[in-house]
Amino acid sequence: MNELSIGDLIAIPCQVEEGPFDEEKLVQFDTLDGVVSGFVQSEDLQEDGGQWFVKAKVRDLSQGYLTVHVAGSFFSTNGLANFASNTDFQRLAA
């Protein structure tokens, strides 16, 4: 994995479905704490070769895991999600 820093933008693999509005989509992605699902703005999504990704910002780097924030409205979290620190995320341009 590339060395990440607090504040880096990364792409998290996710599943995407239609949302209640054109500019909003329902997403689902796996975390250390289980599956997270909720609504994000279409502008925070990108598709590459049939795989969808949601934009997230690194908030904390701890031993063994990292915490990111995903902007949106989620059913089981305030947008914070934990991932194993050895997960290979794609870094996005700011």
N, C-alpha and C. Protein backbone atom coordinates (compact mmCIF):
# COMPACT_ATOMS: atom_id res chain seq x y z
N MET A 1 0.85 -1.19 0.00
CA MET A 1 0.00 0.00 0.00
C MET A 1 0.88 1.23 0.00
N ASN A 2 0.46 2.24 -0.74
CA ASN A 2 1.16 3.52 -0.69
C ASN A 2 1.01 4.11 0.69
N GLU A 3 2.04 4.82 1.13
CA GLU A 3 1.94 5.48 2.43
C GLU A 3 0.85 6.55 2.37
N LEU A 4 -0.11 6.45 3.26
CA LEU A 4 -1.18 7.43 3.33
C LEU A 4 -0.91 8.40 4.46
N SER A 5 -1.46 9.58 4.33
CA SER A 5 -1.36 10.61 5.36
C SER A 5 -2.75 11.10 5.70
N ILE A 6 -2.89 11.65 6.89
CA ILE A 6 -4.17 12.26 7.28
C ILE A 6 -4.48 13.37 6.29
N GLY A 7 -5.71 13.37 5.80
CA GLY A 7 -6.15 14.35 4.82
C GLY A 7 -6.13 13.85 3.39
N ASP A 8 -5.44 12.73 3.13
CA ASP A 8 -5.43 12.16 1.77
C ASP A 8 -6.84 11.75 1.36
N LEU A 9 -7.13 11.92 0.07
CA LEU A 9 -8.38 11.42 -0.50
C LEU A 9 -8.10 10.08 -1.13
N ILE A 10 -8.97 9.10 -0.85
CA ILE A 10 -8.81 7.75 -1.39
C ILE A 10 -10.12 7.29 -2.01
N ALA A 11 -10.03 6.22 -2.80
CA ALA A 11 -11.20 5.62 -3.45
C ALA A 11 -11.49 4.28 -2.80
N ILE A 12 -12.70 4.13 -2.26
CA ILE A 12 -13.12 2.89 -1.61
C ILE A 12 -14.03 2.12 -2.56
N PRO A 13 -13.71 0.85 -2.85
CA PRO A 13 -14.60 0.06 -3.70
C PRO A 13 -15.99 -0.05 -3.06
N CYS A 14 -17.02 0.07 -3.88
CA CYS A 14 -18.38 0.02 -3.35
C CYS A 14 -19.33 -0.52 -4.40
N GLN A 15 -20.53 -0.85 -3.93
CA GLN A 15 -21.64 -1.20 -4.82
C GLN A 15 -22.54 0.02 -4.88
N VAL A 16 -23.11 0.28 -6.04
CA VAL A 16 -23.94 1.47 -6.25
C VAL A 16 -25.29 1.08 -6.82
N GLU A 17 -26.33 1.68 -6.27
CA GLU A 17 -27.69 1.54 -6.79
C GLU A 17 -28.31 2.92 -6.93
N GLU A 18 -29.40 2.99 -7.64
CA GLU A 18 -30.10 4.26 -7.80
C GLU A 18 -30.56 4.76 -6.43
N GLY A 19 -30.53 6.07 -6.26
CA GLY A 19 -31.01 6.69 -5.04
C GLY A 19 -32.34 7.37 -5.27
N PRO A 20 -32.82 8.10 -4.26
CA PRO A 20 -34.12 8.76 -4.39
C PRO A 20 -34.11 9.98 -5.32
N PHE A 21 -32.92 10.51 -5.59
CA PHE A 21 -32.79 11.68 -6.45
C PHE A 21 -31.71 11.40 -7.50
N ASP A 22 -31.74 12.11 -8.62
CA ASP A 22 -30.76 11.90 -9.69
C ASP A 22 -29.33 12.11 -9.21
N GLU A 23 -29.12 13.08 -8.34
CA GLU A 23 -27.77 13.43 -7.90
C GLU A 23 -27.33 12.66 -6.65
N GLU A 24 -28.14 11.70 -6.22
CA GLU A 24 -27.84 10.94 -5.01
C GLU A 24 -27.96 9.45 -5.30
N LYS A 25 -26.97 8.66 -4.84
CA LYS A 25 -26.96 7.22 -5.08
C LYS A 25 -26.86 6.46 -3.76
N LEU A 26 -27.40 5.25 -3.75
CA LEU A 26 -27.28 4.36 -2.60
C LEU A 26 -26.00 3.55 -2.77
N VAL A 27 -25.11 3.58 -1.77
CA VAL A 27 -23.86 2.84 -1.84
C VAL A 27 -23.77 1.86 -0.68
N GLN A 28 -22.92 0.86 -0.88
CA GLN A 28 -22.65 -0.14 0.16
C GLN A 28 -21.19 -0.54 0.04
N PHE A 29 -20.48 -0.59 1.19
CA PHE A 29 -19.08 -1.03 1.17
C PHE A 29 -18.74 -1.72 2.48
N ASP A 30 -17.76 -2.63 2.41
CA ASP A 30 -17.32 -3.41 3.57
C ASP A 30 -16.27 -2.65 4.36
N THR A 31 -16.37 -2.71 5.70
CA THR A 31 -15.40 -2.11 6.60
C THR A 31 -15.01 -3.14 7.66
N LEU A 32 -14.06 -2.78 8.52
CA LEU A 32 -13.70 -3.66 9.63
C LEU A 32 -14.88 -3.89 10.58
N ASP A 33 -15.79 -2.93 10.62
CA ASP A 33 -16.93 -3.00 11.54
C ASP A 33 -18.19 -3.55 10.89
N GLY A 34 -18.09 -4.00 9.66
CA GLY A 34 -19.24 -4.53 8.95
C GLY A 34 -19.58 -3.71 7.72
N VAL A 35 -20.69 -4.04 7.12
CA VAL A 35 -21.13 -3.36 5.90
C VAL A 35 -21.73 -2.01 6.25
N VAL A 36 -21.35 -1.00 5.49
CA VAL A 36 -21.91 0.35 5.63
C VAL A 36 -22.73 0.64 4.39
N SER A 37 -23.92 1.20 4.58
CA SER A 37 -24.73 1.60 3.44
C SER A 37 -25.41 2.93 3.73
N GLY A 38 -25.63 3.67 2.66
CA GLY A 38 -26.27 4.97 2.79
C GLY A 38 -26.21 5.72 1.46
N PHE A 39 -26.53 6.99 1.52
CA PHE A 39 -26.63 7.81 0.31
C PHE A 39 -25.47 8.78 0.21
N VAL A 40 -24.91 8.88 -1.01
CA VAL A 40 -23.84 9.84 -1.29
C VAL A 40 -24.19 10.61 -2.55
N GLN A 41 -23.56 11.75 -2.72
CA GLN A 41 -23.74 12.54 -3.93
C GLN A 41 -23.04 11.85 -5.10
N SER A 42 -23.66 11.91 -6.26
CA SER A 42 -23.09 11.28 -7.46
C SER A 42 -21.68 11.79 -7.75
N GLU A 43 -21.41 13.05 -7.43
CA GLU A 43 -20.08 13.63 -7.69
C GLU A 43 -18.98 12.98 -6.84
N ASP A 44 -19.35 12.27 -5.78
CA ASP A 44 -18.36 11.59 -4.94
C ASP A 44 -18.12 10.14 -5.37
N LEU A 45 -18.67 9.76 -6.52
CA LEU A 45 -18.51 8.41 -7.05
C LEU A 45 -17.74 8.45 -8.36
N GLN A 46 -17.01 7.38 -8.62
CA GLN A 46 -16.39 7.21 -9.93
C GLN A 46 -16.43 5.74 -10.29
N GLU A 47 -16.50 5.47 -11.58
CA GLU A 47 -16.56 4.11 -12.07
C GLU A 47 -15.35 3.86 -12.95
N ASP A 48 -14.73 2.70 -12.76
CA ASP A 48 -13.55 2.35 -13.54
C ASP A 48 -13.64 0.87 -13.91
N GLY A 49 -13.85 0.59 -15.18
CA GLY A 49 -13.91 -0.79 -15.65
C GLY A 49 -15.00 -1.62 -15.01
N GLY A 50 -16.14 -1.02 -14.73
CA GLY A 50 -17.26 -1.73 -14.13
C GLY A 50 -17.25 -1.76 -12.61
N GLN A 51 -16.19 -1.28 -11.99
CA GLN A 51 -16.10 -1.21 -10.52
C GLN A 51 -16.35 0.22 -10.07
N TRP A 52 -17.21 0.38 -9.07
CA TRP A 52 -17.51 1.70 -8.53
C TRP A 52 -16.65 1.97 -7.30
N PHE A 53 -16.34 3.26 -7.09
CA PHE A 53 -15.56 3.72 -5.95
C PHE A 53 -16.21 4.97 -5.37
N VAL A 54 -16.17 5.09 -4.06
CA VAL A 54 -16.66 6.29 -3.39
C VAL A 54 -15.46 7.01 -2.77
N LYS A 55 -15.48 8.33 -2.85
CA LYS A 55 -14.39 9.15 -2.33
C LYS A 55 -14.46 9.22 -0.81
N ALA A 56 -13.30 9.14 -0.17
CA ALA A 56 -13.21 9.23 1.29
C ALA A 56 -11.95 10.00 1.65
N LYS A 57 -11.96 10.61 2.84
CA LYS A 57 -10.79 11.35 3.34
C LYS A 57 -10.25 10.63 4.56
N VAL A 58 -8.93 10.41 4.57
CA VAL A 58 -8.27 9.75 5.70
C VAL A 58 -8.32 10.70 6.90
N ARG A 59 -8.87 10.19 8.03
CA ARG A 59 -9.00 10.99 9.24
C ARG A 59 -8.03 10.59 10.34
N ASP A 60 -7.66 9.29 10.37
CA ASP A 60 -6.78 8.80 11.44
C ASP A 60 -6.01 7.59 10.93
N LEU A 61 -4.75 7.51 11.33
CA LEU A 61 -3.90 6.36 11.01
C LEU A 61 -3.43 5.79 12.33
N SER A 62 -3.92 4.61 12.66
CA SER A 62 -3.55 3.95 13.91
C SER A 62 -2.89 2.63 13.58
N GLN A 63 -2.27 2.05 14.56
CA GLN A 63 -1.60 0.77 14.35
C GLN A 63 -2.64 -0.29 13.99
N GLY A 64 -2.55 -0.81 12.79
CA GLY A 64 -3.44 -1.88 12.37
C GLY A 64 -4.67 -1.44 11.61
N TYR A 65 -5.04 -0.18 11.67
CA TYR A 65 -6.22 0.27 10.94
C TYR A 65 -6.15 1.75 10.60
N LEU A 66 -7.02 2.17 9.68
CA LEU A 66 -7.14 3.59 9.37
C LEU A 66 -8.62 3.94 9.38
N THR A 67 -8.89 5.18 9.74
CA THR A 67 -10.26 5.68 9.78
C THR A 67 -10.42 6.72 8.68
N VAL A 68 -11.51 6.59 7.93
CA VAL A 68 -11.80 7.54 6.86
C VAL A 68 -13.18 8.15 7.09
N HIS A 69 -13.41 9.28 6.44
CA HIS A 69 -14.73 9.90 6.46
C HIS A 69 -15.26 9.92 5.04
N VAL A 70 -16.48 9.41 4.89
CA VAL A 70 -17.19 9.43 3.61
C VAL A 70 -18.35 10.39 3.77
N ALA A 71 -18.42 11.40 2.91
CA ALA A 71 -19.52 12.37 2.98
C ALA A 71 -20.80 11.71 2.51
N GLY A 72 -21.87 11.88 3.27
CA GLY A 72 -23.15 11.32 2.88
C GLY A 72 -24.05 11.12 4.07
N SER A 73 -25.13 10.42 3.85
CA SER A 73 -26.11 10.11 4.89
C SER A 73 -26.20 8.59 4.99
N PHE A 74 -25.71 8.04 6.11
CA PHE A 74 -25.59 6.60 6.27
C PHE A 74 -26.55 6.08 7.34
N PHE A 75 -26.90 4.80 7.22
CA PHE A 75 -27.86 4.19 8.13
C PHE A 75 -27.25 3.80 9.47
N SER A 76 -25.95 3.47 9.49
CA SER A 76 -25.35 2.94 10.73
C SER A 76 -24.10 3.66 11.19
N THR A 77 -23.75 4.77 10.56
CA THR A 77 -22.56 5.52 10.94
C THR A 77 -22.74 6.98 10.56
N ASN A 78 -21.87 7.82 11.10
CA ASN A 78 -21.89 9.24 10.77
C ASN A 78 -20.95 9.53 9.60
N GLY A 79 -20.56 8.50 8.88
CA GLY A 79 -19.66 8.65 7.75
C GLY A 79 -18.25 8.18 8.04
N LEU A 80 -17.96 7.87 9.32
CA LEU A 80 -16.64 7.35 9.67
C LEU A 80 -16.62 5.84 9.46
N ALA A 81 -15.53 5.34 8.89
CA ALA A 81 -15.39 3.91 8.62
C ALA A 81 -13.95 3.49 8.86
N ASN A 82 -13.77 2.29 9.40
CA ASN A 82 -12.44 1.76 9.70
C ASN A 82 -12.08 0.65 8.72
N PHE A 83 -10.83 0.66 8.28
CA PHE A 83 -10.30 -0.33 7.36
C PHE A 83 -8.95 -0.82 7.88
N ALA A 84 -8.58 -2.04 7.50
CA ALA A 84 -7.26 -2.56 7.86
C ALA A 84 -6.20 -1.68 7.21
N SER A 85 -5.13 -1.43 7.94
CA SER A 85 -4.09 -0.54 7.43
C SER A 85 -3.37 -1.11 6.21
N ASN A 86 -3.47 -2.41 5.98
CA ASN A 86 -2.81 -3.00 4.82
C ASN A 86 -3.71 -3.04 3.59
N THR A 87 -4.88 -2.42 3.65
CA THR A 87 -5.77 -2.35 2.50
C THR A 87 -5.15 -1.43 1.45
N ASP A 88 -5.15 -1.86 0.22
CA ASP A 88 -4.52 -1.10 -0.86
C ASP A 88 -5.56 -0.19 -1.54
N PHE A 89 -5.62 1.06 -1.09
CA PHE A 89 -6.55 2.02 -1.66
C PHE A 89 -5.86 2.87 -2.72
N GLN A 90 -6.63 3.28 -3.70
CA GLN A 90 -6.13 4.21 -4.70
C GLN A 90 -6.20 5.62 -4.14
N ARG A 91 -5.11 6.36 -4.20
CA ARG A 91 -5.10 7.76 -3.75
C ARG A 91 -5.66 8.62 -4.87
N LEU A 92 -6.50 9.59 -4.50
CA LEU A 92 -7.12 10.50 -5.47
C LEU A 92 -6.45 11.87 -5.41
N ALA A 93 -6.54 12.60 -6.48
CA ALA A 93 -6.04 13.97 -6.51
C ALA A 93 -6.97 14.83 -5.66
N ALA A 94 -6.40 15.79 -4.95
CA ALA A 94 -7.20 16.65 -4.06
C ALA A 94 -8.09 17.58 -4.84
